[in-house]
C-alpha cells in the first residue's frame, strides 16, 4: 500500500468515525434517548458495511 492510499484510508476512517463518536457524546451527556440511538444505528450500519466492503476490494489490489 502506497502512502497516498494509506493517507486516504486514514482520512476516510476519521470522517466515518465522527457520527458514532458524536452520538456517544450525546448519549454520555444525556441529550439523546436509546430510541434515537437505535434509529441512527439503523441508518449508518448499512452505509458502514458498504464502505468497508468497497475498501476491502480497493485495498486488496
PDB file of N, CA and C in Angstrom:
ATOM      1  N   UNK A   1       0.864  -1.172   0.000  1.00  0.00           N
ATOM      2  CA  UNK A   1       0.000   0.000   0.000  1.00  0.00           C
ATOM      3  C   UNK A   1       0.908   1.232   0.000  1.00  0.00           C
ATOM      4  N   UNK A   2       0.665   2.101  -0.938  1.00  0.00           N
ATOM      5  CA  UNK A   2       1.493   3.289  -1.009  1.00  0.00           C
ATOM      6  C   UNK A   2       0.975   4.364  -0.043  1.00  0.00           C
ATOM      7  N   UNK A   3       1.742   5.428   0.066  1.00  0.00           N
ATOM      8  CA  UNK A   3       1.438   6.476   1.050  1.00  0.00           C
ATOM      9  C   UNK A   3       0.116   7.192   0.750  1.00  0.00           C
ATOM     10  N   UNK A   4      -0.211   7.353  -0.516  1.00  0.00           N
ATOM     11  CA  UNK A   4      -1.439   8.059  -0.879  1.00  0.00           C
ATOM     12  C   UNK A   4      -2.659   7.259  -0.431  1.00  0.00           C
ATOM     13  N   UNK A   5      -2.645   5.967  -0.687  1.00  0.00           N
ATOM     14  CA  UNK A   5      -3.777   5.129  -0.265  1.00  0.00           C
ATOM     15  C   UNK A   5      -3.879   5.075   1.259  1.00  0.00           C
ATOM     16  N   UNK A   6      -2.753   5.012   1.922  1.00  0.00           N
ATOM     17  CA  UNK A   6      -2.763   4.988   3.383  1.00  0.00           C
ATOM     18  C   UNK A   6      -3.349   6.284   3.938  1.00  0.00           C
ATOM     19  N   UNK A   7      -2.949   7.404   3.374  1.00  0.00           N
ATOM     20  CA  UNK A   7      -3.484   8.686   3.828  1.00  0.00           C
ATOM     21  C   UNK A   7      -4.985   8.778   3.582  1.00  0.00           C
ATOM     22  N   UNK A   8      -5.436   8.335   2.418  1.00  0.00           N
ATOM     23  CA  UNK A   8      -6.864   8.360   2.123  1.00  0.00           C
ATOM     24  C   UNK A   8      -7.653   7.446   3.054  1.00  0.00           C
ATOM     25  N   UNK A   9      -7.084   6.294   3.393  1.00  0.00           N
ATOM     26  CA  UNK A   9      -7.758   5.374   4.308  1.00  0.00           C
ATOM     27  C   UNK A   9      -7.879   5.991   5.701  1.00  0.00           C
ATOM     28  N   UNK A  10      -6.845   6.676   6.152  1.00  0.00           N
ATOM     29  CA  UNK A  10      -6.893   7.325   7.466  1.00  0.00           C
ATOM     30  C   UNK A  10      -7.908   8.453   7.470  1.00  0.00           C
ATOM     31  N   UNK A  11      -7.919   9.256   6.424  1.00  0.00           N
ATOM     32  CA  UNK A  11      -8.894  10.354   6.349  1.00  0.00           C
ATOM     33  C   UNK A  11     -10.325   9.824   6.298  1.00  0.00           C
ATOM     34  N   UNK A  12     -10.549   8.767   5.547  1.00  0.00           N
ATOM     35  CA  UNK A  12     -11.883   8.169   5.469  1.00  0.00           C
ATOM     36  C   UNK A  12     -12.302   7.613   6.830  1.00  0.00           C
ATOM     37  N   UNK A  13     -11.375   6.993   7.540  1.00  0.00           N
ATOM     38  CA  UNK A  13     -11.687   6.459   8.864  1.00  0.00           C
ATOM     39  C   UNK A  13     -12.075   7.577   9.827  1.00  0.00           C
ATOM     40  N   UNK A  14     -11.371   8.689   9.763  1.00  0.00           N
ATOM     41  CA  UNK A  14     -11.692   9.815  10.643  1.00  0.00           C
ATOM     42  C   UNK A  14     -13.081  10.364  10.323  1.00  0.00           C
ATOM     43  N   UNK A  15     -13.381  10.499   9.047  1.00  0.00           N
ATOM     44  CA  UNK A  15     -14.687  11.024   8.650  1.00  0.00           C
ATOM     45  C   UNK A  15     -15.805  10.063   9.056  1.00  0.00           C
ATOM     46  N   UNK A  16     -15.582   8.759   8.892  1.00  0.00           N
ATOM     47  CA  UNK A  16     -16.611   7.786   9.235  1.00  0.00           C
ATOM     48  C   UNK A  16     -16.786   7.605  10.738  1.00  0.00           C
ATOM     49  N   UNK A  17     -15.773   7.899  11.516  1.00  0.00           N
ATOM     50  CA  UNK A  17     -15.891   7.765  12.966  1.00  0.00           C
ATOM     51  C   UNK A  17     -16.564   8.957  13.627  1.00  0.00           C
ATOM     52  N   UNK A  18     -16.676  10.055  12.934  1.00  0.00           N
ATOM     53  CA  UNK A  18     -17.258  11.257  13.539  1.00  0.00           C
ATOM     54  C   UNK A  18     -18.707  11.071  13.993  1.00  0.00           C
ATOM     55  N   UNK A  19     -19.627  10.548  13.166  1.00  0.00           N
ATOM     56  CA  UNK A  19     -21.010  10.403  13.645  1.00  0.00           C
ATOM     57  C   UNK A  19     -21.167   9.477  14.855  1.00  0.00           C
ATOM     58  N   UNK A  20     -20.529   8.292  14.880  1.00  0.00           N
ATOM     59  CA  UNK A  20     -20.683   7.464  16.076  1.00  0.00           C
ATOM     60  C   UNK A  20     -20.091   8.112  17.330  1.00  0.00           C
ATOM     61  N   UNK A  21     -18.980   8.787  17.180  1.00  0.00           N
ATOM     62  CA  UNK A  21     -18.387   9.458  18.338  1.00  0.00           C
ATOM     63  C   UNK A  21     -19.285  10.583  18.842  1.00  0.00           C
ATOM     64  N   UNK A  22     -19.918  11.289  17.925  1.00  0.00           N
ATOM     65  CA  UNK A  22     -20.822  12.357  18.326  1.00  0.00           C
ATOM     66  C   UNK A  22     -22.058  11.776  19.004  1.00  0.00           C
ATOM     67  N   UNK A  23     -22.584  10.676  18.505  1.00  0.00           N
ATOM     68  CA  UNK A  23     -23.731  10.030  19.143  1.00  0.00           C
ATOM     69  C   UNK A  23     -23.363   9.530  20.535  1.00  0.00           C
ATOM     70  N   UNK A  24     -22.160   8.993  20.685  1.00  0.00           N
ATOM     71  CA  UNK A  24     -21.701   8.567  22.006  1.00  0.00           C
ATOM     72  C   UNK A  24     -21.620   9.760  22.953  1.00  0.00           C
ATOM     73  N   UNK A  25     -21.110  10.865  22.459  1.00  0.00           N
ATOM     74  CA  UNK A  25     -21.031  12.083  23.282  1.00  0.00           C
ATOM     75  C   UNK A  25     -22.424  12.523  23.729  1.00  0.00           C
ATOM     76  N   UNK A  26     -23.376  12.547  22.799  1.00  0.00           N
ATOM     77  CA  UNK A  26     -24.736  12.944  23.149  1.00  0.00           C
ATOM     78  C   UNK A  26     -25.348  11.986  24.160  1.00  0.00           C
ATOM     79  N   UNK A  27     -25.111  10.678  23.984  1.00  0.00           N
ATOM     80  CA  UNK A  27     -25.643   9.691  24.922  1.00  0.00           C
ATOM     81  C   UNK A  27     -24.996   9.855  26.296  1.00  0.00           C
ATOM     82  N   UNK A  28     -23.703  10.084  26.307  1.00  0.00           N
ATOM     83  CA  UNK A  28     -22.971  10.243  27.570  1.00  0.00           C
ATOM     84  C   UNK A  28     -23.451  11.473  28.342  1.00  0.00           C
ATOM     85  N   UNK A  29     -23.781  12.537  27.635  1.00  0.00           N
ATOM     86  CA  UNK A  29     -24.255  13.764  28.273  1.00  0.00           C
ATOM     87  C   UNK A  29     -25.753  13.733  28.554  1.00  0.00           C
ATOM     88  N   UNK A  30     -26.454  12.669  28.155  1.00  0.00           N
ATOM     89  CA  UNK A  30     -27.879  12.549  28.415  1.00  0.00           C
ATOM     90  C   UNK A  30     -28.753  13.373  27.497  1.00  0.00           C
ATOM     91  N   UNK A  31     -28.248  13.703  26.324  1.00  0.00           N
ATOM     92  CA  UNK A  31     -29.003  14.547  25.392  1.00  0.00           C
ATOM     93  C   UNK A  31     -29.673  13.749  24.283  1.00  0.00           C
ATOM     94  N   UNK A  32     -29.644  12.437  24.372  1.00  0.00           N
ATOM     95  CA  UNK A  32     -30.307  11.591  23.388  1.00  0.00           C
ATOM     96  C   UNK A  32     -30.913  10.391  24.102  1.00  0.00           C
ATOM     97  N   UNK A  33     -31.828   9.739  23.437  1.00  0.00           N
ATOM     98  CA  UNK A  33     -32.512   8.594  24.019  1.00  0.00           C
ATOM     99  C   UNK A  33     -32.045   7.314  23.333  1.00  0.00           C
ATOM    100  N   UNK A  34     -32.248   6.178  23.963  1.00  0.00           N
ATOM    101  CA  UNK A  34     -31.893   4.911  23.303  1.00  0.00           C
ATOM    102  C   UNK A  34     -32.632   4.700  21.982  1.00  0.00           C
ATOM    103  N   UNK A  35     -33.867   5.190  21.888  1.00  0.00           N
ATOM    104  CA  UNK A  35     -34.606   5.055  20.629  1.00  0.00           C
ATOM    105  C   UNK A  35     -33.922   5.838  19.509  1.00  0.00           C
ATOM    106  N   UNK A  36     -33.427   7.012  19.810  1.00  0.00           N
ATOM    107  CA  UNK A  36     -32.725   7.802  18.799  1.00  0.00           C
ATOM    108  C   UNK A  36     -31.411   7.129  18.408  1.00  0.00           C
ATOM    109  N   UNK A  37     -30.745   6.509  19.372  1.00  0.00           N
ATOM    110  CA  UNK A  37     -29.505   5.797  19.064  1.00  0.00           C
ATOM    111  C   UNK A  37     -29.771   4.619  18.131  1.00  0.00           C
ATOM    112  N   UNK A  38     -30.835   3.864  18.385  1.00  0.00           N
ATOM    113  CA  UNK A  38     -31.180   2.741  17.512  1.00  0.00           C
ATOM    114  C   UNK A  38     -31.521   3.224  16.107  1.00  0.00           C
ATOM    115  N   UNK A  39     -32.228   4.342  16.012  1.00  0.00           N
ATOM    116  CA  UNK A  39     -32.586   4.896  14.705  1.00  0.00           C
ATOM    117  C   UNK A  39     -31.321   5.287  13.932  1.00  0.00           C
ATOM    118  N   UNK A  40     -30.395   5.931  14.607  1.00  0.00           N
ATOM    119  CA  UNK A  40     -29.139   6.321  13.979  1.00  0.00           C
ATOM    120  C   UNK A  40     -28.342   5.094  13.555  1.00  0.00           C
ATOM    121  N   UNK A  41     -28.337   4.072  14.386  1.00  0.00           N
ATOM    122  CA  UNK A  41     -27.624   2.847  14.053  1.00  0.00           C
ATOM    123  C   UNK A  41     -28.214   2.194  12.813  1.00  0.00           C
ATOM    124  N   UNK A  42     -29.533   2.189  12.703  1.00  0.00           N
ATOM    125  CA  UNK A  42     -30.177   1.598  11.534  1.00  0.00           C
ATOM    126  C   UNK A  42     -29.844   2.365  10.259  1.00  0.00           C
ATOM    127  N   UNK A  43     -29.597   3.645  10.379  1.00  0.00           N
ATOM    128  CA  UNK A  43     -29.255   4.453   9.214  1.00  0.00           C
ATOM    129  C   UNK A  43     -27.800   4.235   8.809  1.00  0.00           C
ATOM    130  N   UNK A  44     -26.904   4.242   9.783  1.00  0.00           N
ATOM    131  CA  UNK A  44     -25.480   4.224   9.468  1.00  0.00           C
ATOM    132  C   UNK A  44     -24.893   2.828   9.281  1.00  0.00           C
ATOM    133  N   UNK A  45     -25.458   1.791   9.862  1.00  0.00           N
ATOM    134  CA  UNK A  45     -24.879   0.450   9.773  1.00  0.00           C
ATOM    135  C   UNK A  45     -24.758  -0.035   8.324  1.00  0.00           C
ATOM    136  N   UNK A  46     -25.803   0.034   7.501  1.00  0.00           N
ATOM    137  CA  UNK A  46     -25.626  -0.413   6.112  1.00  0.00           C
ATOM    138  C   UNK A  46     -24.588   0.419   5.350  1.00  0.00           C
ATOM    139  N   UNK A  47     -24.554   1.706   5.623  1.00  0.00           N
ATOM    140  CA  UNK A  47     -23.563   2.560   4.967  1.00  0.00           C
ATOM    141  C   UNK A  47     -22.149   2.118   5.316  1.00  0.00           C
ATOM    142  N   UNK A  48     -21.908   1.863   6.600  1.00  0.00           N
ATOM    143  CA  UNK A  48     -20.580   1.433   7.029  1.00  0.00           C
ATOM    144  C   UNK A  48     -20.214   0.079   6.430  1.00  0.00           C
ATOM    145  N   UNK A  49     -21.170  -0.831   6.327  1.00  0.00           N
ATOM    146  CA  UNK A  49     -20.883  -2.129   5.725  1.00  0.00           C
ATOM    147  C   UNK A  49     -20.510  -1.989   4.255  1.00  0.00           C
ATOM    148  N   UNK A  50     -21.228  -1.133   3.539  1.00  0.00           N
ATOM    149  CA  UNK A  50     -20.901  -0.912   2.128  1.00  0.00           C
ATOM    150  C   UNK A  50     -19.524  -0.275   1.961  1.00  0.00           C
ATOM    151  N   UNK A  51     -19.214   0.686   2.801  1.00  0.00           N
ATOM    152  CA  UNK A  51     -17.912   1.349   2.707  1.00  0.00           C
ATOM    153  C   UNK A  51     -16.793   0.373   3.039  1.00  0.00           C
ATOM    154  N   UNK A  52     -16.978  -0.456   4.058  1.00  0.00           N
ATOM    155  CA  UNK A  52     -15.951  -1.445   4.413  1.00  0.00           C
ATOM    156  C   UNK A  52     -15.754  -2.453   3.292  1.00  0.00           C
ATOM    157  N   UNK A  53     -16.829  -2.882   2.656  1.00  0.00           N
ATOM    158  CA  UNK A  53     -16.715  -3.812   1.540  1.00  0.00           C
ATOM    159  C   UNK A  53     -15.969  -3.177   0.375  1.00  0.00           C
ATOM    160  N   UNK A  54     -16.289  -1.924   0.085  1.00  0.00           N
ATOM    161  CA  UNK A  54     -15.607  -1.220  -1.005  1.00  0.00           C
ATOM    162  C   UNK A  54     -14.128  -1.033  -0.693  1.00  0.00           C
ATOM    163  N   UNK A  55     -13.826  -0.697   0.563  1.00  0.00           N
ATOM    164  CA  UNK A  55     -12.420  -0.527   0.938  1.00  0.00           C
ATOM    165  C   UNK A  55     -11.663  -1.846   0.839  1.00  0.00           C
ATOM    166  N   UNK A  56     -12.309  -2.946   1.203  1.00  0.00           N
ATOM    167  CA  UNK A  56     -11.663  -4.252   1.110  1.00  0.00           C
ATOM    168  C   UNK A  56     -11.325  -4.593  -0.332  1.00  0.00           C
ATOM    169  N   UNK A  57     -12.222  -4.250  -1.243  1.00  0.00           N
ATOM    170  CA  UNK A  57     -11.969  -4.521  -2.665  1.00  0.00           C
ATOM    171  C   UNK A  57     -10.859  -3.622  -3.192  1.00  0.00           C
ATOM    172  N   UNK A  58     -10.911  -2.347  -2.858  1.00  0.00           N
ATOM    173  CA  UNK A  58      -9.934  -1.402  -3.391  1.00  0.00           C
ATOM    174  C   UNK A  58      -8.538  -1.679  -2.842  1.00  0.00           C
ATOM    175  N   UNK A  59      -8.446  -1.925  -1.541  1.00  0.00           N
ATOM    176  CA  UNK A  59      -7.132  -2.088  -0.935  1.00  0.00           C
ATOM    177  C   UNK A  59      -6.568  -3.493  -1.093  1.00  0.00           C
ATOM    178  N   UNK A  60      -7.342  -4.425  -1.611  1.00  0.00           N
ATOM    179  CA  UNK A  60      -6.815  -5.763  -1.838  1.00  0.00           C
ATOM    180  C   UNK A  60      -6.035  -5.836  -3.153  1.00  0.00           C
ATOM    181  N   UNK A  61      -6.158  -4.825  -3.967  1.00  0.00           N
ATOM    182  CA  UNK A  61      -5.452  -4.821  -5.260  1.00  0.00           C
ATOM    183  C   UNK A  61      -4.014  -4.480  -5.096  1.00  0.00           C
TER     184      UNK A  61
END
